[in-house]
Amino acid sequence: MTKNEMIAQLKKDYPTLRDGSNLQGYTDLSAEEYEARINLWADNLLAKQAEASAKAEAEAKKLEAQAKLAALGLTAEDLKALGL
């Protein structure tokens, strides 16, 4: 999902935003504050997606390397023993 698509979805899910608490009461965010908050949320969601994608890619590479070693009849410990 692109940032613009994410922003559109967030705006659909959260057409208005308020700050405050039950004790102090709530105030609606101004249009500028609303846009800034939605952009921040989109950036945070994109960062989480990128992190999850990077972790998945690293795990896939690790599994691929293990499969290649296994095809050669080696393990990661064998490589360490060889100083590689």
C-alpha atoms as a PDB file:
ATOM      1  CA  MET A   1       0.000   0.000   0.000  1.00  0.00           C
ATOM      2  CA  THR A   2       1.353   3.414  -0.899  1.00  0.00           C
ATOM      3  CA  LYS A   3       1.443   6.290   1.566  1.00  0.00           C
ATOM      4  CA  ASN A   4      -1.359   8.066  -0.294  1.00  0.00           C
ATOM      5  CA  GLU A   5      -3.517   4.937  -0.182  1.00  0.00           C
ATOM      6  CA  MET A   6      -2.764   4.532   3.502  1.00  0.00           C
ATOM      7  CA  ILE A   7      -3.677   8.168   4.182  1.00  0.00           C
ATOM      8  CA  ALA A   8      -6.945   7.731   2.282  1.00  0.00           C
ATOM      9  CA  GLN A   9      -7.778   4.643   4.347  1.00  0.00           C
ATOM     10  CA  LEU A  10      -6.889   6.360   7.619  1.00  0.00           C
ATOM     11  CA  LYS A  11      -9.067   9.345   6.705  1.00  0.00           C
ATOM     12  CA  LYS A  12     -11.912   6.976   5.886  1.00  0.00           C
ATOM     13  CA  ASP A  13     -11.460   5.118   9.187  1.00  0.00           C
ATOM     14  CA  TYR A  14     -10.927   8.310  11.225  1.00  0.00           C
ATOM     15  CA  PRO A  15     -12.871  11.183   9.617  1.00  0.00           C
ATOM     16  CA  THR A  16     -12.331  13.304  12.734  1.00  0.00           C
ATOM     17  CA  LEU A  17      -9.779  13.177  15.533  1.00  0.00           C
ATOM     18  CA  ARG A  18      -9.915  14.591  19.031  1.00  0.00           C
ATOM     19  CA  ASP A  19      -7.361  15.156  21.774  1.00  0.00           C
ATOM     20  CA  GLY A  20      -8.076  15.093  25.462  1.00  0.00           C
ATOM     21  CA  SER A  21      -9.375  12.852  28.202  1.00  0.00           C
ATOM     22  CA  ASN A  22     -12.560  12.069  30.061  1.00  0.00           C
ATOM     23  CA  LEU A  23     -11.413  14.272  32.916  1.00  0.00           C
ATOM     24  CA  GLN A  24     -10.374  17.321  30.896  1.00  0.00           C
ATOM     25  CA  GLY A  25     -12.757  16.912  28.008  1.00  0.00           C
ATOM     26  CA  TYR A  26     -12.014  16.567  24.334  1.00  0.00           C
ATOM     27  CA  THR A  27     -11.294  19.053  21.566  1.00  0.00           C
ATOM     28  CA  ASP A  28     -11.374  18.349  17.847  1.00  0.00           C
ATOM     29  CA  LEU A  29      -8.088  18.702  16.025  1.00  0.00           C
ATOM     30  CA  SER A  30      -7.807  21.581  13.584  1.00  0.00           C
ATOM     31  CA  ALA A  31      -7.560  20.707   9.899  1.00  0.00           C
ATOM     32  CA  GLU A  32      -3.796  21.275  10.024  1.00  0.00           C
ATOM     33  CA  GLU A  33      -3.360  19.142  13.155  1.00  0.00           C
ATOM     34  CA  TYR A  34      -5.571  16.432  11.642  1.00  0.00           C
ATOM     35  CA  GLU A  35      -3.462  16.274   8.468  1.00  0.00           C
ATOM     36  CA  ALA A  36      -0.251  16.174  10.500  1.00  0.00           C
ATOM     37  CA  ARG A  37      -1.553  13.353  12.722  1.00  0.00           C
ATOM     38  CA  ILE A  38      -2.785  11.290   9.764  1.00  0.00           C
ATOM     39  CA  ASN A  39       0.578  11.764   8.012  1.00  0.00           C
ATOM     40  CA  LEU A  40       2.426  10.709  11.166  1.00  0.00           C
ATOM     41  CA  TRP A  41       0.278   7.586  11.485  1.00  0.00           C
ATOM     42  CA  ALA A  42       0.860   6.716   7.819  1.00  0.00           C
ATOM     43  CA  ASP A  43       4.624   7.171   8.241  1.00  0.00           C
ATOM     44  CA  ASN A  44       4.594   4.940  11.332  1.00  0.00           C
ATOM     45  CA  LEU A  45       2.578   2.242   9.575  1.00  0.00           C
ATOM     46  CA  LEU A  46       4.902   2.342   6.562  1.00  0.00           C
ATOM     47  CA  ALA A  47       7.932   2.056   8.843  1.00  0.00           C
ATOM     48  CA  LYS A  48       6.423  -0.985  10.552  1.00  0.00           C
ATOM     49  CA  GLN A  49       5.674  -2.570   7.183  1.00  0.00           C
ATOM     50  CA  ALA A  50       9.224  -1.901   5.979  1.00  0.00           C
ATOM     51  CA  GLU A  51      10.662  -3.420   9.152  1.00  0.00           C
ATOM     52  CA  ALA A  52       8.479  -6.517   8.824  1.00  0.00           C
ATOM     53  CA  SER A  53       9.426  -6.843   5.161  1.00  0.00           C
ATOM     54  CA  ALA A  54      13.142  -6.532   5.958  1.00  0.00           C
ATOM     55  CA  LYS A  55      12.858  -9.202   8.661  1.00  0.00           C
ATOM     56  CA  ALA A  56      11.009 -11.540   6.300  1.00  0.00           C
ATOM     57  CA  GLU A  57      13.612 -10.967   3.581  1.00  0.00           C
ATOM     58  CA  ALA A  58      16.475 -11.642   5.993  1.00  0.00           C
ATOM     59  CA  GLU A  59      14.818 -14.855   7.158  1.00  0.00           C
ATOM     60  CA  ALA A  60      14.252 -15.958   3.556  1.00  0.00           C
ATOM     61  CA  LYS A  61      17.925 -15.324   2.739  1.00  0.00           C
ATOM     62  CA  LYS A  62      18.980 -17.280   5.817  1.00  0.00           C
ATOM     63  CA  LEU A  63      16.802 -20.230   4.811  1.00  0.00           C
ATOM     64  CA  GLU A  64      18.118 -20.057   1.250  1.00  0.00           C
ATOM     65  CA  ALA A  65      21.712 -20.114   2.500  1.00  0.00           C
ATOM     66  CA  GLN A  66      20.941 -23.065   4.778  1.00  0.00           C
ATOM     67  CA  ALA A  67      19.383 -24.936   1.851  1.00  0.00           C
ATOM     68  CA  LYS A  68      22.447 -24.292  -0.316  1.00  0.00           C
ATOM     69  CA  LEU A  69      24.745 -25.487   2.457  1.00  0.00           C
ATOM     70  CA  ALA A  70      22.598 -28.577   2.979  1.00  0.00           C
ATOM     71  CA  ALA A  71      22.794 -29.344  -0.743  1.00  0.00           C
ATOM     72  CA  LEU A  72      26.576 -29.314  -0.373  1.00  0.00           C
ATOM     73  CA  GLY A  73      26.382 -31.437   2.760  1.00  0.00           C
ATOM     74  CA  LEU A  74      27.529 -28.580   5.010  1.00  0.00           C
ATOM     75  CA  THR A  75      26.120 -26.707   7.989  1.00  0.00           C
ATOM     76  CA  ALA A  76      26.709 -23.232   9.347  1.00  0.00           C
ATOM     77  CA  GLU A  77      28.882 -24.819  12.032  1.00  0.00           C
ATOM     78  CA  ASP A  78      31.025 -26.400   9.302  1.00  0.00           C
ATOM     79  CA  LEU A  79      31.632 -22.951   7.816  1.00  0.00           C
ATOM     80  CA  LYS A  80      32.556 -21.553  11.216  1.00  0.00           C
ATOM     81  CA  ALA A  81      35.009 -24.402  11.727  1.00  0.00           C
ATOM     82  CA  LEU A  82      36.561 -23.549   8.383  1.00  0.00           C
ATOM     83  CA  GLY A  83      36.829 -19.897   9.406  1.00  0.00           C
ATOM     84  CA  LEU A  84      34.334 -18.681   6.809  1.00  0.00           C
END
